[in-house]
């Protein structure tokens, strides 16, 4: 996976490569999907949720450039693959998930992995996890049309956020930088992911 999908995507930072070699992806996908854990596609979790493909996740982490003294909020952590990777890059990770079964399964997976710097929080994804913030970095594991102000408020000024803005079947991964309370977004690469509940753009009513 690293040699065929990650490195060819111009992700060469050693901490990211080392993390992706250290975390066994098959331990963080549904049991019936383990045979396809390393394919170059999103792995379906169910409920319109996925584990982002290795290329997308690696390039996202590359763009965020997480350091060892930073606190990260991982929104939509699913069964925990992204949070396990981030735990090797950051000081600590808050893994936010709204599915109670996935929360339980991810906690078990983290224990087996030996991660002691991941806090799993169960709650609505669009609400974030303000009580543990503010965060240096926020990473959203799915598609968004609009980011709730509550999430932006939980990011430190000078912090970074990554997500995939979707428009129909198309998606663009962007890295946002919060400066003086305002998010400034930069295009990173094309990517696709299902739209997360609570991150929809309000639609105007038409008679």
N, C-alpha and C. Protein backbone atom coordinates (compact mmCIF):
# COMPACT_ATOMS: atom_id res chain seq x y z
N UNK A 1 0.83 -1.20 0.00
CA UNK A 1 0.00 0.00 0.00
C UNK A 1 0.87 1.27 0.00
N UNK A 2 1.87 1.29 0.87
CA UNK A 2 2.74 2.46 0.96
C UNK A 2 3.52 2.64 -0.33
N UNK A 3 4.07 1.55 -0.86
CA UNK A 3 4.91 1.65 -2.06
C UNK A 3 4.10 1.90 -3.33
N UNK A 4 2.87 1.41 -3.38
CA UNK A 4 2.09 1.51 -4.61
C UNK A 4 1.08 2.66 -4.61
N UNK A 5 0.70 3.15 -3.44
CA UNK A 5 -0.33 4.19 -3.37
C UNK A 5 0.14 5.48 -2.71
N UNK A 6 0.93 5.35 -1.65
CA UNK A 6 1.29 6.53 -0.87
C UNK A 6 2.51 7.27 -1.44
N UNK A 7 3.62 6.57 -1.59
CA UNK A 7 4.82 7.22 -2.12
C UNK A 7 4.61 7.76 -3.54
N UNK A 8 3.91 7.04 -4.43
CA UNK A 8 3.68 7.59 -5.77
C UNK A 8 2.81 8.85 -5.77
N UNK A 9 2.16 9.14 -4.64
CA UNK A 9 1.33 10.35 -4.53
C UNK A 9 2.13 11.50 -3.93
N UNK A 10 3.46 11.36 -3.96
CA UNK A 10 4.37 12.41 -3.49
C UNK A 10 4.29 12.64 -1.99
N UNK A 11 3.92 11.61 -1.24
CA UNK A 11 3.97 11.68 0.22
C UNK A 11 5.25 10.96 0.65
N UNK A 12 6.22 11.73 1.10
CA UNK A 12 7.54 11.16 1.40
C UNK A 12 8.02 11.48 2.81
N UNK A 13 7.23 12.21 3.60
CA UNK A 13 7.66 12.54 4.96
C UNK A 13 7.76 11.26 5.78
N UNK A 14 8.91 11.07 6.42
CA UNK A 14 9.16 9.82 7.13
C UNK A 14 8.11 9.54 8.21
N UNK A 15 7.71 10.50 9.05
CA UNK A 15 6.73 10.18 10.10
C UNK A 15 5.43 9.61 9.54
N UNK A 16 4.98 10.11 8.40
CA UNK A 16 3.74 9.61 7.81
C UNK A 16 3.94 8.21 7.24
N UNK A 17 5.03 8.03 6.52
CA UNK A 17 5.34 6.70 5.97
C UNK A 17 5.48 5.69 7.09
N UNK A 18 6.19 6.05 8.14
CA UNK A 18 6.40 5.14 9.27
C UNK A 18 5.08 4.80 9.95
N UNK A 19 4.19 5.81 10.11
CA UNK A 19 2.89 5.57 10.74
C UNK A 19 2.06 4.60 9.91
N UNK A 20 2.07 4.78 8.59
CA UNK A 20 1.25 3.92 7.73
C UNK A 20 1.81 2.51 7.64
N UNK A 21 3.11 2.36 7.89
CA UNK A 21 3.69 1.02 7.96
C UNK A 21 3.45 0.37 9.32
N UNK A 22 3.22 1.19 10.35
CA UNK A 22 3.07 0.68 11.71
C UNK A 22 1.64 0.30 12.06
N UNK A 23 0.67 1.00 11.47
CA UNK A 23 -0.74 0.76 11.79
C UNK A 23 -1.33 -0.22 10.78
N UNK A 24 -1.79 -1.36 11.25
CA UNK A 24 -2.38 -2.37 10.37
C UNK A 24 -3.81 -1.97 10.02
N UNK A 25 -4.00 -1.56 8.78
CA UNK A 25 -5.29 -1.04 8.34
C UNK A 25 -6.41 -2.07 8.49
N UNK A 26 -6.08 -3.36 8.32
CA UNK A 26 -7.12 -4.37 8.39
C UNK A 26 -7.74 -4.49 9.79
N UNK A 27 -7.04 -3.98 10.81
CA UNK A 27 -7.57 -4.01 12.17
C UNK A 27 -8.57 -2.90 12.45
N UNK A 28 -8.77 -2.01 11.47
CA UNK A 28 -9.64 -0.86 11.67
C UNK A 28 -10.71 -0.76 10.60
N UNK A 29 -11.04 -1.88 9.98
CA UNK A 29 -12.14 -1.96 9.03
C UNK A 29 -13.06 -3.09 9.48
N UNK A 30 -14.31 -3.14 9.01
CA UNK A 30 -15.19 -4.25 9.37
C UNK A 30 -14.55 -5.59 9.02
N UNK A 31 -14.84 -6.60 9.81
CA UNK A 31 -14.22 -7.91 9.62
C UNK A 31 -14.45 -8.46 8.21
N UNK A 32 -15.62 -8.21 7.65
CA UNK A 32 -15.91 -8.74 6.32
C UNK A 32 -15.25 -7.92 5.20
N UNK A 33 -14.53 -6.86 5.57
CA UNK A 33 -13.84 -6.02 4.58
C UNK A 33 -12.32 -6.13 4.69
N UNK A 34 -11.84 -7.00 5.56
CA UNK A 34 -10.40 -7.05 5.80
C UNK A 34 -9.61 -7.45 4.55
N UNK A 35 -10.20 -8.26 3.69
CA UNK A 35 -9.49 -8.69 2.48
C UNK A 35 -9.27 -7.54 1.51
N UNK A 36 -10.09 -6.49 1.63
CA UNK A 36 -9.94 -5.35 0.72
C UNK A 36 -9.44 -4.11 1.45
N UNK A 37 -8.88 -4.30 2.63
CA UNK A 37 -8.45 -3.17 3.47
C UNK A 37 -7.43 -2.29 2.79
N UNK A 38 -6.60 -2.88 1.91
CA UNK A 38 -5.48 -2.12 1.35
C UNK A 38 -5.70 -1.68 -0.10
N UNK A 39 -6.92 -1.83 -0.60
CA UNK A 39 -7.18 -1.38 -1.96
C UNK A 39 -7.12 0.15 -2.03
N UNK A 40 -6.91 0.66 -3.22
CA UNK A 40 -6.80 2.11 -3.40
C UNK A 40 -8.14 2.78 -3.54
N UNK A 41 -9.07 2.44 -2.69
CA UNK A 41 -10.41 3.02 -2.70
C UNK A 41 -10.88 3.22 -1.27
N UNK A 42 -11.92 4.05 -1.10
CA UNK A 42 -12.54 4.15 0.21
C UNK A 42 -13.14 2.79 0.59
N UNK A 43 -13.00 2.40 1.85
CA UNK A 43 -13.59 1.15 2.34
C UNK A 43 -14.89 1.50 3.07
N UNK A 44 -15.99 0.91 2.63
CA UNK A 44 -17.30 1.23 3.18
C UNK A 44 -17.44 0.67 4.60
N UNK A 45 -17.84 1.57 5.53
CA UNK A 45 -18.13 1.16 6.90
C UNK A 45 -19.62 0.86 7.08
N UNK A 46 -20.45 1.53 6.29
CA UNK A 46 -21.89 1.47 6.46
C UNK A 46 -22.41 2.83 6.89
N UNK A 47 -23.74 3.02 6.82
CA UNK A 47 -24.38 4.28 7.22
C UNK A 47 -23.78 5.47 6.46
N UNK A 48 -23.48 5.26 5.17
CA UNK A 48 -22.91 6.32 4.32
C UNK A 48 -21.60 6.85 4.87
N UNK A 49 -20.80 5.98 5.44
CA UNK A 49 -19.50 6.35 6.00
C UNK A 49 -18.42 5.43 5.43
N UNK A 50 -17.19 5.94 5.36
CA UNK A 50 -16.10 5.16 4.79
C UNK A 50 -14.81 5.39 5.57
N UNK A 51 -13.86 4.47 5.37
CA UNK A 51 -12.47 4.72 5.73
C UNK A 51 -11.83 5.30 4.47
N UNK A 52 -11.32 6.50 4.54
CA UNK A 52 -10.77 7.15 3.36
C UNK A 52 -9.63 6.33 2.76
N UNK A 53 -9.55 6.35 1.45
CA UNK A 53 -8.50 5.59 0.76
C UNK A 53 -7.12 6.04 1.25
N UNK A 54 -6.13 5.13 1.23
CA UNK A 54 -4.80 5.46 1.75
C UNK A 54 -4.20 6.72 1.14
N UNK A 55 -4.33 6.89 -0.17
CA UNK A 55 -3.77 8.07 -0.82
C UNK A 55 -4.36 9.35 -0.25
N UNK A 56 -5.69 9.39 -0.13
CA UNK A 56 -6.36 10.59 0.37
C UNK A 56 -5.93 10.92 1.79
N UNK A 57 -5.91 9.91 2.64
CA UNK A 57 -5.54 10.14 4.04
C UNK A 57 -4.09 10.55 4.17
N UNK A 58 -3.21 9.89 3.42
CA UNK A 58 -1.78 10.23 3.48
C UNK A 58 -1.52 11.65 3.02
N UNK A 59 -2.15 12.06 1.92
CA UNK A 59 -1.95 13.41 1.39
C UNK A 59 -2.56 14.45 2.33
N UNK A 60 -3.64 14.10 3.01
CA UNK A 60 -4.24 15.00 4.00
C UNK A 60 -3.28 15.22 5.16
N UNK A 61 -2.72 14.13 5.68
CA UNK A 61 -1.77 14.25 6.79
C UNK A 61 -0.52 15.00 6.36
N UNK A 62 -0.12 14.80 5.12
CA UNK A 62 1.03 15.52 4.59
C UNK A 62 0.76 17.02 4.57
N UNK A 63 -0.43 17.40 4.15
CA UNK A 63 -0.78 18.82 4.10
C UNK A 63 -0.93 19.45 5.46
N UNK A 64 -1.39 18.67 6.44
CA UNK A 64 -1.58 19.20 7.80
C UNK A 64 -0.25 19.36 8.54
N UNK A 65 0.72 18.51 8.21
CA UNK A 65 2.06 18.61 8.81
C UNK A 65 1.98 18.65 10.34
N UNK A 66 1.36 17.65 10.93
CA UNK A 66 1.14 17.58 12.38
C UNK A 66 2.46 17.35 13.10
N UNK A 67 2.64 18.05 14.22
CA UNK A 67 3.87 17.90 14.99
C UNK A 67 3.58 17.27 16.35
N UNK A 68 4.64 16.83 17.02
CA UNK A 68 4.54 16.04 18.24
C UNK A 68 4.01 16.80 19.45
N UNK A 69 3.89 18.11 19.34
CA UNK A 69 3.40 18.89 20.48
C UNK A 69 1.96 19.39 20.25
N UNK A 70 1.26 18.78 19.30
CA UNK A 70 -0.07 19.29 18.94
C UNK A 70 -1.21 18.37 19.35
N UNK A 71 -2.35 19.00 19.65
CA UNK A 71 -3.58 18.30 19.98
C UNK A 71 -4.48 18.32 18.75
N UNK A 72 -4.99 17.13 18.37
CA UNK A 72 -5.75 16.98 17.13
C UNK A 72 -7.15 16.46 17.43
N UNK A 73 -8.15 17.05 16.80
CA UNK A 73 -9.52 16.52 16.82
C UNK A 73 -9.76 15.81 15.51
N UNK A 74 -10.08 14.51 15.59
CA UNK A 74 -10.34 13.69 14.41
C UNK A 74 -11.84 13.43 14.36
N UNK A 75 -12.54 14.13 13.48
CA UNK A 75 -14.00 14.06 13.41
C UNK A 75 -14.44 12.97 12.44
N UNK A 76 -15.29 12.05 12.95
CA UNK A 76 -15.74 10.93 12.13
C UNK A 76 -14.70 9.85 12.06
N UNK A 77 -14.16 9.49 13.22
CA UNK A 77 -13.02 8.56 13.29
C UNK A 77 -13.38 7.12 12.94
N UNK A 78 -14.69 6.81 12.86
CA UNK A 78 -15.10 5.45 12.45
C UNK A 78 -14.57 4.39 13.38
N UNK A 79 -13.87 3.42 12.81
CA UNK A 79 -13.28 2.35 13.61
C UNK A 79 -11.86 2.69 14.07
N UNK A 80 -11.42 3.92 13.75
CA UNK A 80 -10.20 4.42 14.38
C UNK A 80 -8.92 4.44 13.59
N UNK A 81 -8.97 4.08 12.30
CA UNK A 81 -7.72 4.02 11.53
C UNK A 81 -7.01 5.37 11.47
N UNK A 82 -7.76 6.41 11.12
CA UNK A 82 -7.14 7.74 11.00
C UNK A 82 -6.59 8.21 12.33
N UNK A 83 -7.32 7.97 13.41
CA UNK A 83 -6.86 8.40 14.73
C UNK A 83 -5.60 7.65 15.16
N UNK A 84 -5.52 6.37 14.82
CA UNK A 84 -4.32 5.59 15.14
C UNK A 84 -3.10 6.16 14.42
N UNK A 85 -3.27 6.52 13.16
CA UNK A 85 -2.17 7.14 12.42
C UNK A 85 -1.76 8.47 13.05
N UNK A 86 -2.77 9.30 13.35
CA UNK A 86 -2.50 10.62 13.90
C UNK A 86 -1.83 10.52 15.27
N UNK A 87 -2.17 9.48 16.02
CA UNK A 87 -1.57 9.31 17.36
C UNK A 87 -0.06 9.17 17.31
N UNK A 88 0.47 8.71 16.18
CA UNK A 88 1.91 8.57 16.03
C UNK A 88 2.57 9.86 15.56
N UNK A 89 1.76 10.84 15.19
CA UNK A 89 2.28 12.12 14.70
C UNK A 89 2.10 13.24 15.71
N UNK A 90 1.09 13.15 16.56
CA UNK A 90 0.69 14.24 17.45
C UNK A 90 0.99 13.91 18.91
N UNK A 91 0.79 14.91 19.77
CA UNK A 91 0.90 14.66 21.21
C UNK A 91 -0.30 13.88 21.71
N UNK A 92 -1.50 14.26 21.23
CA UNK A 92 -2.72 13.57 21.64
C UNK A 92 -3.80 13.77 20.58
N UNK A 93 -4.75 12.83 20.56
CA UNK A 93 -5.84 12.85 19.58
C UNK A 93 -7.17 12.65 20.31
N UNK A 94 -8.17 13.44 19.96
CA UNK A 94 -9.54 13.19 20.38
C UNK A 94 -10.26 12.61 19.17
N UNK A 95 -10.69 11.35 19.27
CA UNK A 95 -11.37 10.66 18.18
C UNK A 95 -12.87 10.80 18.41
N UNK A 96 -13.53 11.59 17.58
CA UNK A 96 -14.96 11.85 17.74
C UNK A 96 -15.77 10.98 16.79
N UNK A 97 -16.71 10.23 17.34
CA UNK A 97 -17.55 9.34 16.55
C UNK A 97 -18.95 9.32 17.15
N UNK A 98 -19.99 9.23 16.29
CA UNK A 98 -21.36 9.25 16.78
C UNK A 98 -22.01 7.87 16.82
N UNK A 99 -21.33 6.85 16.31
CA UNK A 99 -21.87 5.49 16.32
C UNK A 99 -21.32 4.75 17.54
N UNK A 100 -22.19 4.36 18.46
CA UNK A 100 -21.74 3.77 19.72
C UNK A 100 -21.02 2.44 19.51
N UNK A 101 -21.44 1.66 18.52
CA UNK A 101 -20.77 0.39 18.25
C UNK A 101 -19.35 0.63 17.75
N UNK A 102 -19.19 1.62 16.87
CA UNK A 102 -17.85 1.93 16.36
C UNK A 102 -16.96 2.49 17.46
N UNK A 103 -17.55 3.27 18.37
CA UNK A 103 -16.79 3.79 19.51
C UNK A 103 -16.22 2.63 20.33
N UNK A 104 -17.08 1.65 20.63
CA UNK A 104 -16.63 0.49 21.41
C UNK A 104 -15.55 -0.28 20.67
N UNK A 105 -15.78 -0.54 19.39
CA UNK A 105 -14.81 -1.32 18.61
C UNK A 105 -13.48 -0.58 18.46
N UNK A 106 -13.54 0.74 18.29
CA UNK A 106 -12.31 1.50 18.12
C UNK A 106 -11.52 1.53 19.43
N UNK A 107 -12.20 1.62 20.55
CA UNK A 107 -11.51 1.60 21.84
C UNK A 107 -10.76 0.29 22.03
N UNK A 108 -11.39 -0.82 21.63
CA UNK A 108 -10.73 -2.12 21.72
C UNK A 108 -9.53 -2.19 20.78
N UNK A 109 -9.68 -1.65 19.58
CA UNK A 109 -8.58 -1.66 18.61
C UNK A 109 -7.41 -0.81 19.10
N UNK A 110 -7.71 0.33 19.73
CA UNK A 110 -6.65 1.20 20.25
C UNK A 110 -5.88 0.50 21.38
N UNK A 111 -6.60 -0.23 22.21
CA UNK A 111 -5.95 -0.97 23.30
C UNK A 111 -5.00 -2.03 22.73
N UNK A 112 -5.46 -2.75 21.70
CA UNK A 112 -4.61 -3.76 21.08
C UNK A 112 -3.40 -3.11 20.40
N UNK A 113 -3.60 -1.93 19.83
CA UNK A 113 -2.53 -1.22 19.16
C UNK A 113 -1.53 -0.64 20.15
N UNK A 114 -1.99 -0.40 21.37
CA UNK A 114 -1.11 0.13 22.40
C UNK A 114 -1.04 1.64 22.44
N UNK A 115 -2.04 2.31 21.85
CA UNK A 115 -2.06 3.77 21.85
C UNK A 115 -2.58 4.28 23.19
N UNK A 116 -1.81 5.14 23.83
CA UNK A 116 -2.22 5.70 25.12
C UNK A 116 -2.47 7.21 25.04
N UNK A 117 -2.48 7.74 23.83
CA UNK A 117 -2.71 9.18 23.68
C UNK A 117 -3.93 9.49 22.82
N UNK A 118 -4.89 8.53 22.79
CA UNK A 118 -6.14 8.72 22.04
C UNK A 118 -7.30 8.71 23.03
N UNK A 119 -8.11 9.76 23.00
CA UNK A 119 -9.33 9.82 23.79
C UNK A 119 -10.51 9.68 22.85
N UNK A 120 -11.34 8.67 23.04
CA UNK A 120 -12.50 8.45 22.18
C UNK A 120 -13.71 9.16 22.78
N UNK A 121 -14.33 9.99 21.99
CA UNK A 121 -15.49 10.77 22.42
C UNK A 121 -16.68 10.38 21.56
N UNK A 122 -17.81 10.07 22.21
CA UNK A 122 -19.04 9.73 21.48
C UNK A 122 -19.96 10.94 21.46
N UNK A 123 -20.30 11.41 20.27
CA UNK A 123 -21.17 12.56 20.17
C UNK A 123 -21.42 12.95 18.73
N UNK A 124 -22.33 13.89 18.52
CA UNK A 124 -22.67 14.35 17.18
C UNK A 124 -21.44 14.97 16.51
N UNK A 125 -21.15 14.54 15.30
CA UNK A 125 -19.94 15.00 14.62
C UNK A 125 -19.96 16.50 14.38
N UNK A 126 -21.12 17.05 14.02
CA UNK A 126 -21.18 18.47 13.70
C UNK A 126 -21.08 19.37 14.93
N UNK A 127 -21.13 18.75 16.13
CA UNK A 127 -20.99 19.52 17.36
C UNK A 127 -19.52 19.64 17.79
N UNK A 128 -18.68 18.75 17.27
CA UNK A 128 -17.29 18.73 17.69
C UNK A 128 -17.15 18.22 19.11
N UNK A 129 -16.04 18.56 19.75
CA UNK A 129 -15.78 18.13 21.13
C UNK A 129 -15.11 19.28 21.87
N UNK A 130 -15.89 20.32 22.11
CA UNK A 130 -15.36 21.58 22.63
C UNK A 130 -14.68 21.42 24.00
N UNK A 131 -15.16 20.50 24.82
CA UNK A 131 -14.63 20.41 26.19
C UNK A 131 -13.17 19.97 26.23
N UNK A 132 -12.68 19.38 25.15
CA UNK A 132 -11.29 18.95 25.12
C UNK A 132 -10.39 19.93 24.35
N UNK A 133 -11.00 20.93 23.71
CA UNK A 133 -10.24 21.87 22.89
C UNK A 133 -9.76 23.06 23.69
N UNK A 134 -9.25 24.09 23.02
CA UNK A 134 -9.17 24.22 21.55
C UNK A 134 -8.06 23.36 20.97
N UNK A 135 -8.15 23.11 19.66
CA UNK A 135 -7.26 22.18 18.98
C UNK A 135 -6.28 22.90 18.06
N UNK A 136 -5.10 22.32 17.95
CA UNK A 136 -4.12 22.83 16.99
C UNK A 136 -4.51 22.44 15.57
N UNK A 137 -5.11 21.24 15.45
CA UNK A 137 -5.46 20.68 14.15
C UNK A 137 -6.81 19.98 14.25
N UNK A 138 -7.65 20.15 13.23
CA UNK A 138 -8.90 19.40 13.11
C UNK A 138 -8.91 18.71 11.76
N UNK A 139 -9.19 17.41 11.77
CA UNK A 139 -9.24 16.62 10.55
C UNK A 139 -10.63 15.99 10.44
N UNK A 140 -11.31 16.20 9.33
CA UNK A 140 -12.68 15.70 9.14
C UNK A 140 -12.64 14.53 8.15
N UNK A 141 -13.08 13.36 8.62
CA UNK A 141 -12.98 12.14 7.83
C UNK A 141 -14.23 11.89 6.99
N UNK A 142 -14.52 12.80 6.08
CA UNK A 142 -15.67 12.65 5.22
C UNK A 142 -15.92 13.93 4.45
N UNK A 143 -16.98 13.91 3.65
CA UNK A 143 -17.29 15.06 2.83
C UNK A 143 -18.09 16.12 3.57
N UNK A 144 -17.87 17.37 3.20
CA UNK A 144 -18.62 18.48 3.79
C UNK A 144 -19.08 19.42 2.68
N UNK A 145 -20.17 20.08 2.91
CA UNK A 145 -20.58 21.21 2.07
C UNK A 145 -20.34 22.51 2.82
N UNK A 146 -20.58 22.45 4.13
CA UNK A 146 -20.40 23.63 4.99
C UNK A 146 -19.91 23.15 6.35
N UNK A 147 -18.97 23.87 6.92
CA UNK A 147 -18.45 23.52 8.24
C UNK A 147 -19.14 24.37 9.30
N UNK A 148 -19.79 23.74 10.27
CA UNK A 148 -20.49 24.50 11.31
C UNK A 148 -19.53 25.43 12.05
N UNK A 149 -20.03 26.60 12.44
CA UNK A 149 -19.20 27.56 13.16
C UNK A 149 -18.69 26.98 14.47
N UNK A 150 -19.47 26.06 15.07
CA UNK A 150 -19.03 25.43 16.32
C UNK A 150 -17.70 24.71 16.13
N UNK A 151 -17.51 24.09 14.97
CA UNK A 151 -16.26 23.39 14.70
C UNK A 151 -15.12 24.39 14.53
N UNK A 152 -15.37 25.44 13.77
CA UNK A 152 -14.34 26.46 13.55
C UNK A 152 -13.92 27.10 14.86
N UNK A 153 -14.89 27.32 15.77
CA UNK A 153 -14.60 27.94 17.06
C UNK A 153 -13.68 27.07 17.93
N UNK A 154 -13.65 25.77 17.66
CA UNK A 154 -12.82 24.86 18.46
C UNK A 154 -11.38 24.77 17.97
N UNK A 155 -11.09 25.42 16.85
CA UNK A 155 -9.73 25.44 16.31
C UNK A 155 -9.00 26.67 16.82
N UNK A 156 -7.78 26.48 17.30
CA UNK A 156 -6.97 27.61 17.77
C UNK A 156 -6.69 28.56 16.63
N UNK A 157 -6.54 29.84 16.96
CA UNK A 157 -6.11 30.78 15.94
C UNK A 157 -4.69 30.41 15.53
N UNK A 158 -4.46 30.31 14.24
CA UNK A 158 -3.19 29.83 13.73
C UNK A 158 -3.19 28.33 13.46
N UNK A 159 -4.31 27.66 13.80
CA UNK A 159 -4.41 26.22 13.60
C UNK A 159 -4.82 25.86 12.18
N UNK A 160 -4.81 24.55 11.89
CA UNK A 160 -5.15 24.05 10.56
C UNK A 160 -6.31 23.06 10.61
N UNK A 161 -7.04 23.00 9.53
CA UNK A 161 -8.16 22.07 9.39
C UNK A 161 -8.13 21.46 8.00
N UNK A 162 -8.47 20.17 7.91
CA UNK A 162 -8.52 19.50 6.62
C UNK A 162 -9.86 18.82 6.44
N UNK A 163 -10.40 18.94 5.22
CA UNK A 163 -11.65 18.25 4.91
C UNK A 163 -11.81 18.17 3.39
N UNK A 164 -12.81 17.43 2.97
CA UNK A 164 -13.11 17.28 1.55
C UNK A 164 -14.43 18.00 1.27
N UNK A 165 -14.36 19.09 0.53
CA UNK A 165 -15.56 19.81 0.13
C UNK A 165 -16.15 19.09 -1.09
N UNK A 166 -17.41 18.70 -0.97
CA UNK A 166 -18.04 17.94 -2.04
C UNK A 166 -19.11 18.78 -2.75
N UNK A 167 -19.24 18.52 -4.04
CA UNK A 167 -20.27 19.14 -4.86
C UNK A 167 -20.77 18.06 -5.80
N UNK A 168 -21.85 17.39 -5.36
CA UNK A 168 -22.32 16.23 -6.10
C UNK A 168 -21.33 15.09 -5.98
N UNK A 169 -20.91 14.54 -7.12
CA UNK A 169 -19.96 13.41 -7.10
C UNK A 169 -18.51 13.87 -7.02
N UNK A 170 -18.30 15.18 -7.12
CA UNK A 170 -16.95 15.71 -7.13
C UNK A 170 -16.53 16.16 -5.74
N UNK A 171 -15.23 16.14 -5.49
CA UNK A 171 -14.74 16.58 -4.20
C UNK A 171 -13.35 17.17 -4.30
N UNK A 172 -13.08 18.16 -3.45
CA UNK A 172 -11.77 18.78 -3.41
C UNK A 172 -11.28 18.82 -1.97
N UNK A 173 -10.15 18.17 -1.72
CA UNK A 173 -9.54 18.23 -0.39
C UNK A 173 -8.86 19.58 -0.24
N UNK A 174 -9.13 20.23 0.89
CA UNK A 174 -8.54 21.53 1.15
C UNK A 174 -7.97 21.58 2.56
N UNK A 175 -6.95 22.40 2.72
CA UNK A 175 -6.37 22.68 4.03
C UNK A 175 -6.74 24.11 4.38
N UNK A 176 -7.34 24.30 5.56
CA UNK A 176 -7.74 25.63 5.99
C UNK A 176 -6.87 26.11 7.13
N UNK A 177 -6.55 27.39 7.10
CA UNK A 177 -5.73 28.02 8.14
C UNK A 177 -6.58 29.09 8.82
N UNK A 178 -6.67 29.05 10.14
CA UNK A 178 -7.48 30.02 10.87
C UNK A 178 -6.61 31.21 11.26
N UNK A 179 -6.95 32.36 10.73
CA UNK A 179 -6.20 33.59 10.99
C UNK A 179 -7.18 34.68 11.41
N UNK A 180 -6.99 35.19 12.62
CA UNK A 180 -7.88 36.22 13.17
C UNK A 180 -9.33 35.78 13.14
N UNK A 181 -9.54 34.50 13.44
CA UNK A 181 -10.89 33.95 13.53
C UNK A 181 -11.53 33.57 12.21
N UNK A 182 -10.82 33.79 11.11
CA UNK A 182 -11.37 33.50 9.77
C UNK A 182 -10.61 32.34 9.14
N UNK A 183 -11.37 31.42 8.50
CA UNK A 183 -10.74 30.29 7.80
C UNK A 183 -10.33 30.71 6.40
N UNK A 184 -9.08 30.44 6.07
CA UNK A 184 -8.55 30.69 4.73
C UNK A 184 -8.19 29.33 4.13
N UNK A 185 -8.85 28.98 3.02
CA UNK A 185 -8.74 27.64 2.46
C UNK A 185 -7.83 27.61 1.23
N UNK A 186 -7.04 26.53 1.15
CA UNK A 186 -6.18 26.30 -0.01
C UNK A 186 -6.48 24.91 -0.58
N UNK A 187 -6.62 24.86 -1.90
CA UNK A 187 -6.84 23.57 -2.57
C UNK A 187 -5.60 22.68 -2.40
N UNK A 188 -5.84 21.40 -2.07
CA UNK A 188 -4.74 20.45 -1.91
C UNK A 188 -4.73 19.42 -3.04
N UNK A 189 -5.86 18.74 -3.26
CA UNK A 189 -5.94 17.71 -4.30
C UNK A 189 -7.40 17.30 -4.46
N UNK A 190 -7.70 16.60 -5.55
CA UNK A 190 -9.04 16.07 -5.77
C UNK A 190 -9.25 14.78 -4.99
N UNK A 191 -10.42 14.63 -4.41
CA UNK A 191 -10.73 13.43 -3.63
C UNK A 191 -12.24 13.29 -3.51
N UNK A 192 -12.68 12.12 -3.11
CA UNK A 192 -14.11 11.89 -2.95
C UNK A 192 -14.44 11.23 -1.63
N UNK A 193 -15.59 11.59 -1.07
CA UNK A 193 -16.05 10.99 0.19
C UNK A 193 -17.53 11.29 0.36
N UNK A 194 -18.28 10.41 1.02
CA UNK A 194 -19.70 10.68 1.26
C UNK A 194 -19.87 11.90 2.17
N UNK A 195 -20.94 12.62 1.95
CA UNK A 195 -21.24 13.80 2.76
C UNK A 195 -21.63 13.38 4.18
N UNK A 196 -20.99 13.98 5.17
CA UNK A 196 -21.28 13.67 6.56
C UNK A 196 -22.56 14.37 7.00
N UNK A 197 -23.34 13.67 7.81
CA UNK A 197 -24.57 14.26 8.36
C UNK A 197 -24.21 15.44 9.27
N UNK A 198 -24.89 16.56 9.06
CA UNK A 198 -24.65 17.74 9.87
C UNK A 198 -23.71 18.73 9.21
N UNK A 199 -23.13 18.33 8.06
CA UNK A 199 -22.21 19.21 7.34
C UNK A 199 -22.78 19.63 5.99
N UNK A 200 -24.12 19.55 5.87
CA UNK A 200 -24.79 19.94 4.64
C UNK A 200 -24.92 21.46 4.56
N UNK A 201 -24.97 21.95 3.35
CA UNK A 201 -25.22 23.38 3.12
C UNK A 201 -26.72 23.62 3.18
N UNK A 202 -27.16 24.67 3.87
CA UNK A 202 -28.62 24.96 3.89
C UNK A 202 -29.13 25.20 2.47
N UNK A 203 -30.26 24.59 2.16
CA UNK A 203 -30.83 24.75 0.82
C UNK A 203 -31.97 25.76 0.85
N UNK A 204 -31.96 26.68 -0.09
CA UNK A 204 -33.01 27.68 -0.17
C UNK A 204 -34.33 27.02 -0.54
N UNK A 205 -35.41 27.48 0.10
CA UNK A 205 -36.74 26.97 -0.21
C UNK A 205 -37.23 27.58 -1.52
N UNK A 206 -37.72 26.74 -2.39
CA UNK A 206 -38.23 27.21 -3.68
C UNK A 206 -39.71 26.82 -3.82
N UNK A 207 -40.55 27.80 -4.17
CA UNK A 207 -41.98 27.51 -4.36
C UNK A 207 -42.17 26.73 -5.64
